[in-house]
């Protein structure tokens, strides 16, 4: 049973949401693992099942949990909402959000890759190559690669050495996370190929090549979202 005195000013549902997030981090429950069922959580936190449902819904909207019908509720991310300062993760229509994010990413990320070619230190380049290798290994093995994928894109942004670009990192992270959870590895080969192309171009300090590779990477991803949306609309007809 948890003590809620310190959070008494918050509504009960919000307090349980915070406690459930704390539980996930403290256990820890890793991405890909299932949390206890609704009944068990209600007992653990000493509240009704409707409050647990409210808390779970809150963490789903933050991109922490995913409810899989007939299977249970799974942790898909353990990053705090502090990494999503604009609250983009709370937008319900994830497909529209993904497309809007791609519009923004296409405007800025190819240029960020170009800046990285010019400004990355040798240490930055080693880190970028290592992250590309690690993301690829996780992807190929079928392990959860999302956190490492986010690190990869964050590294490119930080290689730019532009302090304004660095403030945009949470937007890029939200975009990567949103896309990964909508597509479930549909673009495995394309992702591996374009990640490697972006990395190799930056390692060679080839700014034109890096811009083109990043544009290709984002275009593949955007086309996949459009295809999924089209298939879903066709299925409704």
Protein backbone atom coordinates (compact mmCIF):
# COMPACT_ATOMS: atom_id res chain seq x y z
CA UNK A 1 0.00 0.00 0.00
CA UNK A 2 1.39 3.41 -0.99
CA UNK A 3 1.16 6.59 1.08
CA UNK A 4 -0.20 9.53 -0.91
CA UNK A 5 0.02 12.30 1.74
CA UNK A 6 2.84 14.11 -0.01
CA UNK A 7 0.82 14.39 -3.22
CA UNK A 8 -2.52 15.21 -1.62
CA UNK A 9 -3.03 18.31 -3.74
CA UNK A 10 -3.15 16.26 -6.95
CA UNK A 11 -6.32 14.45 -8.11
CA UNK A 12 -6.24 10.76 -7.17
CA UNK A 13 -5.91 9.58 -10.79
CA UNK A 14 -2.89 11.84 -11.37
CA UNK A 15 -1.28 10.69 -8.10
CA UNK A 16 -1.67 7.05 -9.05
CA UNK A 17 -0.28 7.80 -12.51
CA UNK A 18 2.84 9.25 -10.84
CA UNK A 19 3.11 6.27 -8.50
CA UNK A 20 2.69 3.79 -11.36
CA UNK A 21 5.46 5.57 -13.27
CA UNK A 22 7.62 5.40 -10.13
CA UNK A 23 6.88 1.67 -9.81
CA UNK A 24 7.88 1.06 -13.45
CA UNK A 25 11.18 2.87 -12.95
CA UNK A 26 11.97 1.33 -9.55
CA UNK A 27 11.24 -2.34 -10.27
CA UNK A 28 12.36 -1.77 -13.02
CA UNK A 29 9.87 -2.88 -15.66
CA UNK A 30 11.85 -2.70 -18.90
CA UNK A 31 10.44 -1.73 -22.32
CA UNK A 32 8.78 -4.80 -23.82
CA UNK A 33 7.77 -6.22 -20.44
CA UNK A 34 4.19 -6.45 -19.14
CA UNK A 35 2.98 -4.68 -16.00
CA UNK A 36 0.67 -6.46 -13.48
CA UNK A 37 -2.98 -6.65 -14.40
CA UNK A 38 -5.60 -4.13 -13.36
CA UNK A 39 -6.75 -6.14 -10.32
CA UNK A 40 -3.20 -6.58 -8.99
CA UNK A 41 -2.40 -2.89 -9.44
CA UNK A 42 -5.62 -1.87 -7.67
CA UNK A 43 -4.55 -4.00 -4.68
CA UNK A 44 -0.97 -2.72 -4.77
CA UNK A 45 -1.98 0.95 -4.76
CA UNK A 46 -5.07 0.56 -2.60
CA UNK A 47 -7.47 2.16 -5.08
CA UNK A 48 -10.34 1.12 -7.32
CA UNK A 49 -9.86 -0.40 -10.74
CA UNK A 50 -11.37 2.67 -12.41
CA UNK A 51 -8.55 4.77 -10.92
CA UNK A 52 -5.99 2.29 -12.24
CA UNK A 53 -7.60 2.53 -15.69
CA UNK A 54 -7.31 6.32 -15.51
CA UNK A 55 -3.64 6.12 -14.50
CA UNK A 56 -2.86 3.62 -17.27
CA UNK A 57 -4.63 5.84 -19.81
CA UNK A 58 -2.46 8.75 -18.68
CA UNK A 59 0.73 6.77 -19.19
CA UNK A 60 -0.52 5.53 -22.56
CA UNK A 61 -0.99 9.16 -23.65
CA UNK A 62 2.57 9.89 -22.50
CA UNK A 63 3.93 7.04 -24.63
CA UNK A 64 5.02 4.99 -21.61
CA UNK A 65 2.49 2.14 -21.82
CA UNK A 66 0.71 0.31 -24.62
CA UNK A 67 -2.48 -1.70 -24.09
CA UNK A 68 -2.53 -4.80 -26.31
CA UNK A 69 -5.99 -6.29 -26.51
CA UNK A 70 -6.09 -9.86 -25.28
CA UNK A 71 -2.48 -9.72 -24.11
CA UNK A 72 -2.10 -7.07 -21.42
CA UNK A 73 -0.44 -3.71 -20.82
CA UNK A 74 3.22 -3.33 -21.75
CA UNK A 75 5.92 -0.79 -21.06
CA UNK A 76 7.15 0.61 -24.36
CA UNK A 77 9.26 3.50 -23.07
CA UNK A 78 10.61 4.64 -19.71
CA UNK A 79 11.46 8.24 -20.58
CA UNK A 80 9.79 10.94 -18.55
CA UNK A 81 7.44 13.50 -20.07
CA UNK A 82 10.19 16.00 -19.19
CA UNK A 83 11.71 14.83 -22.47
CA UNK A 84 8.55 15.91 -24.27
CA UNK A 85 8.24 19.52 -23.04
CA UNK A 86 5.74 20.46 -25.76
CA UNK A 87 3.39 17.69 -24.71
CA UNK A 88 3.29 16.19 -28.21
CA UNK A 89 2.92 12.71 -26.75
CA UNK A 90 -0.54 13.67 -25.47
CA UNK A 91 -1.91 14.21 -28.98
CA UNK A 92 -4.36 11.35 -29.56
CA UNK A 93 -4.17 11.00 -33.35
CA UNK A 94 -0.69 9.48 -33.55
CA UNK A 95 -0.74 9.11 -37.34
CA UNK A 96 -1.51 12.81 -37.89
CA UNK A 97 1.12 13.64 -35.28
CA UNK A 98 3.67 11.44 -37.08
CA UNK A 99 3.01 13.19 -40.42
CA UNK A 100 3.22 16.65 -38.86
CA UNK A 101 6.47 15.72 -37.17
CA UNK A 102 7.86 14.46 -40.48
CA UNK A 103 7.03 17.82 -42.06
CA UNK A 104 9.14 19.51 -39.40
CA UNK A 105 11.89 16.89 -39.51
CA UNK A 106 12.22 17.21 -43.29
CA UNK A 107 12.69 20.95 -42.82
CA UNK A 108 15.46 20.67 -40.25
CA UNK A 109 17.13 17.26 -39.94
CA UNK A 110 18.88 17.15 -43.33
CA UNK A 111 20.45 20.51 -42.46
CA UNK A 112 21.31 19.28 -38.97
CA UNK A 113 23.15 16.34 -40.58
CA UNK A 114 24.99 18.83 -42.79
CA UNK A 115 26.04 20.88 -39.76
CA UNK A 116 27.19 17.71 -38.03
CA UNK A 117 29.62 17.06 -40.89
CA UNK A 118 31.19 20.44 -40.35
CA UNK A 119 31.21 20.69 -36.56
CA UNK A 120 31.46 17.19 -35.05
CA UNK A 121 34.60 16.42 -33.07
CA UNK A 122 36.50 13.19 -33.60
CA UNK A 123 35.05 11.95 -30.30
CA UNK A 124 31.54 12.77 -31.57
CA UNK A 125 32.18 10.74 -34.72
CA UNK A 126 33.30 7.71 -32.71
CA UNK A 127 30.15 7.94 -30.59
CA UNK A 128 27.94 8.27 -33.66
CA UNK A 129 29.45 5.17 -35.27
CA UNK A 130 29.09 3.22 -32.04
CA UNK A 131 25.42 4.21 -31.71
CA UNK A 132 24.74 3.26 -35.33
CA UNK A 133 26.35 -0.16 -34.73
CA UNK A 134 24.45 -0.71 -31.46
CA UNK A 135 21.09 0.29 -32.97
CA UNK A 136 21.70 -2.07 -35.87
CA UNK A 137 22.56 -4.98 -33.55
CA UNK A 138 19.41 -4.47 -31.50
CA UNK A 139 17.26 -4.14 -34.62
CA UNK A 140 18.67 -7.31 -36.22
CA UNK A 141 18.35 -9.35 -33.01
CA UNK A 142 14.71 -8.35 -32.56
CA UNK A 143 15.43 -6.52 -29.30
CA UNK A 144 13.86 -3.20 -28.35
CA UNK A 145 15.89 -0.65 -30.31
CA UNK A 146 13.83 2.51 -29.78
CA UNK A 147 15.92 4.07 -26.98
CA UNK A 148 19.13 3.47 -28.94
CA UNK A 149 17.53 4.86 -32.12
CA UNK A 150 16.65 8.01 -30.17
CA UNK A 151 20.24 8.23 -28.89
CA UNK A 152 21.47 7.97 -32.49
CA UNK A 153 19.36 10.90 -33.72
CA UNK A 154 20.16 12.90 -30.57
CA UNK A 155 23.87 12.38 -31.22
CA UNK A 156 23.54 13.80 -34.75
CA UNK A 157 21.75 16.86 -33.38
CA UNK A 158 24.44 17.41 -30.77
CA UNK A 159 27.17 16.97 -33.37
CA UNK A 160 25.80 20.13 -35.01
CA UNK A 161 27.13 22.18 -32.06
CA UNK A 162 24.16 24.52 -32.52
CA UNK A 163 22.59 25.35 -29.16
CA UNK A 164 19.17 26.03 -30.70
CA UNK A 165 19.21 22.66 -32.47
CA UNK A 166 19.93 20.99 -29.14
CA UNK A 167 16.74 22.48 -27.69
CA UNK A 168 14.83 20.74 -30.52
CA UNK A 169 16.13 17.30 -29.53
CA UNK A 170 12.94 16.41 -27.56
CA UNK A 171 10.85 17.06 -30.69
CA UNK A 172 13.06 14.73 -32.73
CA UNK A 173 12.94 12.13 -29.95
CA UNK A 174 9.13 12.26 -29.85
CA UNK A 175 9.07 11.81 -33.62
CA UNK A 176 11.36 8.76 -33.55
CA UNK A 177 9.41 7.20 -30.71
CA UNK A 178 6.00 7.86 -32.32
CA UNK A 179 7.09 6.40 -35.66
CA UNK A 180 8.66 3.29 -34.12
CA UNK A 181 5.52 2.47 -32.17
CA UNK A 182 3.24 2.92 -35.19
CA UNK A 183 5.26 0.84 -37.65
CA UNK A 184 6.69 -2.03 -35.53
CA UNK A 185 9.80 -2.72 -37.64
CA UNK A 186 8.09 -2.53 -41.03
CA UNK A 187 11.12 -0.69 -42.41
CA UNK A 188 13.90 -2.83 -40.98
CA UNK A 189 16.14 -3.02 -44.06
CA UNK A 190 15.49 0.58 -45.16
CA UNK A 191 16.19 1.88 -41.64
CA UNK A 192 19.45 -0.01 -41.34
CA UNK A 193 20.57 1.07 -44.81
CA UNK A 194 19.76 4.75 -44.37
CA UNK A 195 21.11 4.94 -40.81
CA UNK A 196 24.38 3.57 -42.12
CA UNK A 197 24.35 5.98 -45.09
CA UNK A 198 23.82 8.98 -42.81
CA UNK A 199 26.56 7.80 -40.46
CA UNK A 200 29.09 7.12 -43.23
CA UNK A 201 28.47 10.51 -44.83
CA UNK A 202 28.98 12.32 -41.51
CA UNK A 203 32.13 10.28 -40.81
CA UNK A 204 33.47 11.42 -44.20
CA UNK A 205 32.28 14.99 -43.48
CA UNK A 206 30.30 14.82 -46.71
CA UNK A 207 27.57 17.37 -45.99
CA UNK A 208 25.73 16.88 -49.29
CA UNK A 209 25.73 13.11 -48.83
CA UNK A 210 24.54 13.45 -45.22
CA UNK A 211 21.66 15.72 -46.23
CA UNK A 212 20.60 13.35 -49.01
CA UNK A 213 20.84 10.26 -46.79
CA UNK A 214 18.81 11.90 -44.03
CA UNK A 215 16.21 13.04 -46.57
CA UNK A 216 15.96 9.46 -47.86
CA UNK A 217 15.64 8.07 -44.34
CA UNK A 218 12.79 10.45 -43.47
CA UNK A 219 11.06 9.96 -46.83
CA UNK A 220 10.97 6.16 -46.42
CA UNK A 221 9.48 6.61 -42.98
CA UNK A 222 6.87 9.13 -44.06
CA UNK A 223 5.76 6.96 -46.98
CA UNK A 224 5.27 4.04 -44.59
CA UNK A 225 2.97 6.08 -42.35
CA UNK A 226 0.95 7.17 -45.39
CA UNK A 227 0.67 3.56 -46.56
CA UNK A 228 -0.56 2.35 -43.17
CA UNK A 229 -3.14 5.14 -43.02
CA UNK A 230 -4.33 4.31 -46.54
CA UNK A 231 -4.70 0.62 -45.66
CA UNK A 232 -6.65 1.49 -42.52
CA UNK A 233 -9.00 3.78 -44.44
CA UNK A 234 -9.52 1.09 -47.10
CA UNK A 235 -10.41 -1.41 -44.39
CA UNK A 236 -13.12 0.89 -43.04
CA UNK A 237 -14.87 1.18 -46.41
